[in-house]
């Protein structure tokens, strides 16, 4: 349905809006600003939680809605309020924590929109767990609490999403097998990581929930993305556009392919399918 005008764009962050230097280019920032000024809705659809998005969103006034935590939390960033939140069942949280206690893993918990890392800040081995490039995201958007697992087990905290960053591929494969049959949505992500969300939660359902809240026809939505946790988003949107750096599974679902994240692919998709955002059309 590429012949109609789309009114809402759902954009992935890592590998889509963010380039390989973990930055949003000035060109892409200007394209987003033009889209917002032209009346289009811009939403981020990301595995990150709200606290991890504060710095990237600085100066991006066009972005109002967040489909965060892979769809577990729908958030109005302008009004600072949660529109919808789904949490992992307590028994599933307990199972995850009991299994990973014996594994070499970094535990990241999203609770009430805040990222919490299970460990002391100066003792996290980012290199061994293959997330060195994500270090700044952790340190800028997270708090570090060595006792977060115990607090979850005692029921003092809840989890909207849990990320596991493994150092060993065999342990990751073992955990994938252990999770079969559980009430969890599992996405394989960066490095040797697993993203665990409540059953039935994904970016596609998050997009549907946001469309219902805004009374937007989902057929008039545009999704731009690149990774394994974006597949349901691509299936749900009116038009799916794959980044030039997208994995094959994302490309297979796409109605179009744009440039890669180092060549402003997301901005070019917005300019192509949201015509009032083009430079000549915004005075």
Protein backbone atom coordinates (compact mmCIF):
# COMPACT_ATOMS: atom_id res chain seq x y z
CA UNK A 1 0.00 0.00 0.00
CA UNK A 2 2.89 2.32 -0.80
CA UNK A 3 0.61 4.63 -2.84
CA UNK A 4 -1.08 6.18 0.20
CA UNK A 5 0.20 8.77 2.67
CA UNK A 6 1.25 7.40 6.03
CA UNK A 7 0.46 9.40 9.15
CA UNK A 8 2.49 7.61 11.85
CA UNK A 9 6.05 6.33 11.63
CA UNK A 10 7.31 3.71 14.10
CA UNK A 11 11.09 3.75 14.06
CA UNK A 12 13.52 1.35 15.65
CA UNK A 13 16.48 2.88 17.48
CA UNK A 14 19.64 0.75 17.35
CA UNK A 15 20.73 0.12 13.79
CA UNK A 16 17.95 2.35 12.45
CA UNK A 17 17.83 5.87 13.87
CA UNK A 18 21.22 5.42 15.51
CA UNK A 19 24.20 5.01 13.21
CA UNK A 20 27.20 2.79 13.89
CA UNK A 21 28.63 5.52 16.16
CA UNK A 22 25.46 5.29 18.30
CA UNK A 23 24.40 8.77 17.17
CA UNK A 24 21.43 10.28 15.37
CA UNK A 25 22.86 12.30 12.50
CA UNK A 26 21.99 15.95 11.99
CA UNK A 27 20.34 15.04 8.67
CA UNK A 28 18.05 12.51 10.35
CA UNK A 29 17.25 14.94 13.16
CA UNK A 30 16.18 17.56 10.63
CA UNK A 31 14.01 15.04 8.77
CA UNK A 32 12.25 14.07 12.01
CA UNK A 33 11.71 17.73 12.88
CA UNK A 34 10.20 18.41 9.47
CA UNK A 35 7.90 15.42 9.82
CA UNK A 36 6.69 16.58 13.22
CA UNK A 37 6.19 20.14 11.97
CA UNK A 38 4.15 18.77 9.06
CA UNK A 39 1.76 17.03 11.45
CA UNK A 40 2.99 13.44 11.25
CA UNK A 41 3.21 11.32 14.40
CA UNK A 42 6.68 9.93 15.16
CA UNK A 43 7.05 7.01 17.55
CA UNK A 44 10.10 5.04 18.62
CA UNK A 45 9.70 1.25 18.69
CA UNK A 46 12.59 -0.06 20.71
CA UNK A 47 13.80 -2.71 23.10
CA UNK A 48 15.13 0.06 25.33
CA UNK A 49 13.23 1.42 28.32
CA UNK A 50 12.31 5.04 28.95
CA UNK A 51 15.37 5.85 31.08
CA UNK A 52 17.69 4.72 28.26
CA UNK A 53 16.04 7.09 25.80
CA UNK A 54 16.42 10.37 27.68
CA UNK A 55 19.78 11.26 26.15
CA UNK A 56 19.01 10.17 22.55
CA UNK A 57 15.75 12.14 22.67
CA UNK A 58 17.41 15.41 23.60
CA UNK A 59 16.49 17.89 20.89
CA UNK A 60 14.06 15.48 19.18
CA UNK A 61 10.83 17.29 19.97
CA UNK A 62 9.03 15.55 17.10
CA UNK A 63 9.10 12.22 18.97
CA UNK A 64 6.16 11.98 21.34
CA UNK A 65 5.33 8.28 21.72
CA UNK A 66 7.53 5.38 22.79
CA UNK A 67 6.77 1.73 22.10
CA UNK A 68 9.42 0.78 24.61
CA UNK A 69 10.64 -2.49 26.17
CA UNK A 70 9.72 -4.32 22.94
CA UNK A 71 6.11 -3.20 23.37
CA UNK A 72 5.66 -3.84 27.09
CA UNK A 73 5.36 -0.13 27.88
CA UNK A 74 3.59 2.43 25.67
CA UNK A 75 4.65 5.86 26.87
CA UNK A 76 3.73 9.48 26.12
CA UNK A 77 7.10 11.19 26.37
CA UNK A 78 5.66 14.70 26.18
CA UNK A 79 3.21 14.18 29.05
CA UNK A 80 5.52 11.76 30.93
CA UNK A 81 2.82 9.14 31.41
CA UNK A 82 2.40 5.47 30.66
CA UNK A 83 -0.49 4.65 28.33
CA UNK A 84 -0.19 0.87 28.70
CA UNK A 85 2.12 -1.45 30.61
CA UNK A 86 2.43 -5.24 30.67
CA UNK A 87 4.74 -7.02 33.12
CA UNK A 88 6.35 -10.45 33.24
CA UNK A 89 4.46 -12.82 35.53
CA UNK A 90 6.19 -13.24 38.93
CA UNK A 91 6.60 -17.00 38.49
CA UNK A 92 8.39 -16.44 35.18
CA UNK A 93 10.67 -13.83 36.73
CA UNK A 94 11.56 -16.36 39.43
CA UNK A 95 12.29 -19.04 36.85
CA UNK A 96 14.58 -16.75 34.86
CA UNK A 97 16.53 -15.67 37.92
CA UNK A 98 16.88 -19.18 39.32
CA UNK A 99 18.26 -20.50 36.03
CA UNK A 100 20.69 -17.65 35.41
CA UNK A 101 22.23 -17.60 38.89
CA UNK A 102 24.66 -20.32 37.77
CA UNK A 103 25.41 -18.69 34.41
CA UNK A 104 27.93 -16.05 33.36
CA UNK A 105 25.44 -13.36 32.43
CA UNK A 106 24.78 -9.65 32.85
CA UNK A 107 21.23 -9.15 34.12
CA UNK A 108 19.32 -6.06 33.01
CA UNK A 109 15.82 -5.44 34.36
CA UNK A 110 13.34 -2.81 33.19
CA UNK A 111 11.16 -1.83 36.12
CA UNK A 112 8.74 1.12 36.02
CA UNK A 113 10.51 2.46 32.93
CA UNK A 114 13.94 2.40 34.60
CA UNK A 115 16.87 0.25 33.50
CA UNK A 116 18.57 -1.57 36.38
CA UNK A 117 21.81 -3.53 35.92
CA UNK A 118 22.38 -6.38 38.35
CA UNK A 119 25.91 -5.66 39.49
CA UNK A 120 28.40 -3.05 40.63
CA UNK A 121 29.19 -0.46 37.98
CA UNK A 122 32.96 -0.95 38.07
CA UNK A 123 32.74 -4.76 37.97
CA UNK A 124 30.70 -5.24 34.78
CA UNK A 125 32.81 -6.95 32.09
CA UNK A 126 31.38 -5.53 28.89
CA UNK A 127 34.04 -7.08 26.67
CA UNK A 128 33.50 -10.63 27.88
CA UNK A 129 29.75 -10.32 27.46
CA UNK A 130 30.15 -8.82 23.95
CA UNK A 131 28.38 -5.53 24.67
CA UNK A 132 31.34 -3.13 24.85
CA UNK A 133 29.67 -0.89 22.26
CA UNK A 134 26.61 -0.66 24.56
CA UNK A 135 28.55 0.46 27.62
CA UNK A 136 27.62 4.13 27.31
CA UNK A 137 23.93 3.23 26.99
CA UNK A 138 24.11 1.22 30.21
CA UNK A 139 26.04 3.82 32.16
CA UNK A 140 24.00 6.82 30.98
CA UNK A 141 20.54 5.28 31.21
CA UNK A 142 20.78 2.71 34.01
CA UNK A 143 21.26 2.41 37.72
CA UNK A 144 23.43 -0.40 39.10
CA UNK A 145 22.01 -2.51 41.91
CA UNK A 146 23.75 -5.79 42.86
CA UNK A 147 20.68 -6.92 44.82
CA UNK A 148 18.07 -6.41 42.08
CA UNK A 149 17.61 -10.19 41.61
CA UNK A 150 16.93 -10.69 45.31
CA UNK A 151 14.48 -7.80 45.36
CA UNK A 152 12.62 -9.29 42.41
CA UNK A 153 12.48 -12.68 44.13
CA UNK A 154 11.06 -11.05 47.26
CA UNK A 155 8.39 -9.31 45.17
CA UNK A 156 9.71 -5.84 45.96
CA UNK A 157 10.08 -5.00 42.26
CA UNK A 158 8.33 -6.01 39.04
CA UNK A 159 9.81 -6.49 35.57
CA UNK A 160 8.40 -5.31 32.26
CA UNK A 161 11.37 -6.78 30.43
CA UNK A 162 14.55 -8.69 31.26
CA UNK A 163 17.67 -8.69 29.10
CA UNK A 164 20.33 -11.36 29.50
CA UNK A 165 23.82 -10.73 28.11
CA UNK A 166 25.79 -13.98 27.94
CA UNK A 167 29.53 -14.50 27.72
CA UNK A 168 29.17 -18.09 26.49
CA UNK A 169 27.20 -19.18 23.41
CA UNK A 170 26.48 -22.62 24.90
CA UNK A 171 24.88 -21.08 27.99
CA UNK A 172 22.75 -18.86 25.78
CA UNK A 173 21.62 -21.88 23.78
CA UNK A 174 20.89 -23.75 27.00
CA UNK A 175 18.78 -20.86 28.28
CA UNK A 176 16.85 -20.73 25.01
CA UNK A 177 15.98 -24.39 25.46
CA UNK A 178 14.95 -23.90 29.08
CA UNK A 179 12.60 -21.07 28.10
CA UNK A 180 10.59 -23.20 25.67
CA UNK A 181 7.00 -23.54 26.82
CA UNK A 182 7.16 -20.61 29.20
CA UNK A 183 4.82 -17.62 29.09
CA UNK A 184 7.47 -15.34 27.65
CA UNK A 185 8.21 -13.62 24.37
CA UNK A 186 11.87 -14.29 23.55
CA UNK A 187 13.93 -12.27 21.06
CA UNK A 188 17.55 -12.91 20.15
CA UNK A 189 19.40 -9.62 20.04
CA UNK A 190 22.83 -7.99 20.04
CA UNK A 191 25.90 -10.07 20.81
CA UNK A 192 24.85 -13.16 22.74
CA UNK A 193 21.84 -11.54 24.36
CA UNK A 194 18.24 -12.57 24.91
CA UNK A 195 15.38 -10.13 25.40
CA UNK A 196 12.56 -11.55 27.53
CA UNK A 197 9.15 -9.90 27.57
CA UNK A 198 5.69 -10.91 28.81
CA UNK A 199 3.93 -13.50 26.68
CA UNK A 200 2.10 -11.91 23.78
CA UNK A 201 4.14 -8.72 23.95
CA UNK A 202 6.13 -7.50 20.96
CA UNK A 203 6.62 -4.29 19.01
CA UNK A 204 3.79 -5.17 16.63
CA UNK A 205 1.26 -5.43 19.44
CA UNK A 206 2.69 -2.24 20.86
CA UNK A 207 2.06 -0.48 17.57
CA UNK A 208 -1.52 -1.76 17.52
CA UNK A 209 -2.05 -0.51 21.08
CA UNK A 210 -0.68 2.92 20.21
CA UNK A 211 -2.88 3.13 17.12
CA UNK A 212 -5.94 2.33 19.23
CA UNK A 213 -4.99 5.00 21.75
CA UNK A 214 -4.53 7.61 19.01
CA UNK A 215 -7.42 6.42 16.81
CA UNK A 216 -5.04 5.88 13.91
CA UNK A 217 -5.71 3.33 11.17
CA UNK A 218 -2.78 0.91 11.38
CA UNK A 219 -2.87 0.61 7.59
CA UNK A 220 -1.55 4.18 7.54
CA UNK A 221 1.53 3.41 9.64
CA UNK A 222 5.11 3.13 8.44
CA UNK A 223 7.67 0.94 10.23
CA UNK A 224 11.42 1.26 9.66
CA UNK A 225 13.67 -1.29 11.34
CA UNK A 226 16.57 -3.70 11.04
CA UNK A 227 16.75 -6.44 13.69
CA UNK A 228 15.37 -9.65 15.12
CA UNK A 229 13.09 -7.96 17.65
CA UNK A 230 11.43 -5.97 14.84
CA UNK A 231 9.75 -8.81 12.96
CA UNK A 232 6.27 -8.38 14.47
CA UNK A 233 6.51 -4.62 14.02
CA UNK A 234 7.18 -5.18 10.33
CA UNK A 235 4.22 -7.55 10.07
CA UNK A 236 1.85 -5.14 11.84
CA UNK A 237 2.60 -1.88 10.01
CA UNK A 238 0.84 -0.68 6.92
CA UNK A 239 4.20 -0.48 5.18
CA UNK A 240 7.41 -2.09 6.39
CA UNK A 241 10.72 -0.60 5.27
CA UNK A 242 13.95 -2.46 5.99
CA UNK A 243 17.18 -0.66 6.65
CA UNK A 244 20.04 -1.38 4.26
CA UNK A 245 21.81 -3.05 7.19
CA UNK A 246 18.77 -5.16 8.16
CA UNK A 247 19.00 -8.88 8.78
CA UNK A 248 17.55 -11.17 6.05
CA UNK A 249 14.41 -11.98 8.07
CA UNK A 250 13.51 -8.28 8.27
CA UNK A 251 14.22 -7.75 4.57
CA UNK A 252 11.92 -10.66 3.75
CA UNK A 253 8.98 -8.84 5.39
CA UNK A 254 9.70 -5.44 3.87
CA UNK A 255 7.81 -3.67 1.14
CA UNK A 256 10.84 -1.51 0.51
CA UNK A 257 14.51 -1.26 1.49
CA UNK A 258 16.13 2.06 2.33
CA UNK A 259 19.76 3.06 2.90
CA UNK A 260 21.73 1.78 5.88
CA UNK A 261 22.01 3.46 9.27
CA UNK A 262 25.25 5.23 8.32
CA UNK A 263 23.56 6.83 5.30
CA UNK A 264 20.36 8.17 6.93
CA UNK A 265 18.13 5.34 5.75
CA UNK A 266 15.36 6.10 8.26
CA UNK A 267 15.27 9.76 7.21
CA UNK A 268 15.08 8.82 3.55
CA UNK A 269 12.15 6.48 4.24
CA UNK A 270 10.30 9.27 6.04
CA UNK A 271 10.95 11.69 3.19
CA UNK A 272 9.77 9.12 0.64
CA UNK A 273 6.55 8.04 2.33
CA UNK A 274 5.64 11.17 4.30
CA UNK A 275 5.81 13.69 1.47
CA UNK A 276 4.92 16.75 3.54
CA UNK A 277 8.20 16.17 5.45
CA UNK A 278 10.31 16.83 2.38
CA UNK A 279 12.41 19.97 2.43
CA UNK A 280 10.49 21.63 -0.40
CA UNK A 281 7.14 20.99 1.28
CA UNK A 282 7.85 22.57 4.67
CA UNK A 283 8.12 26.32 4.76
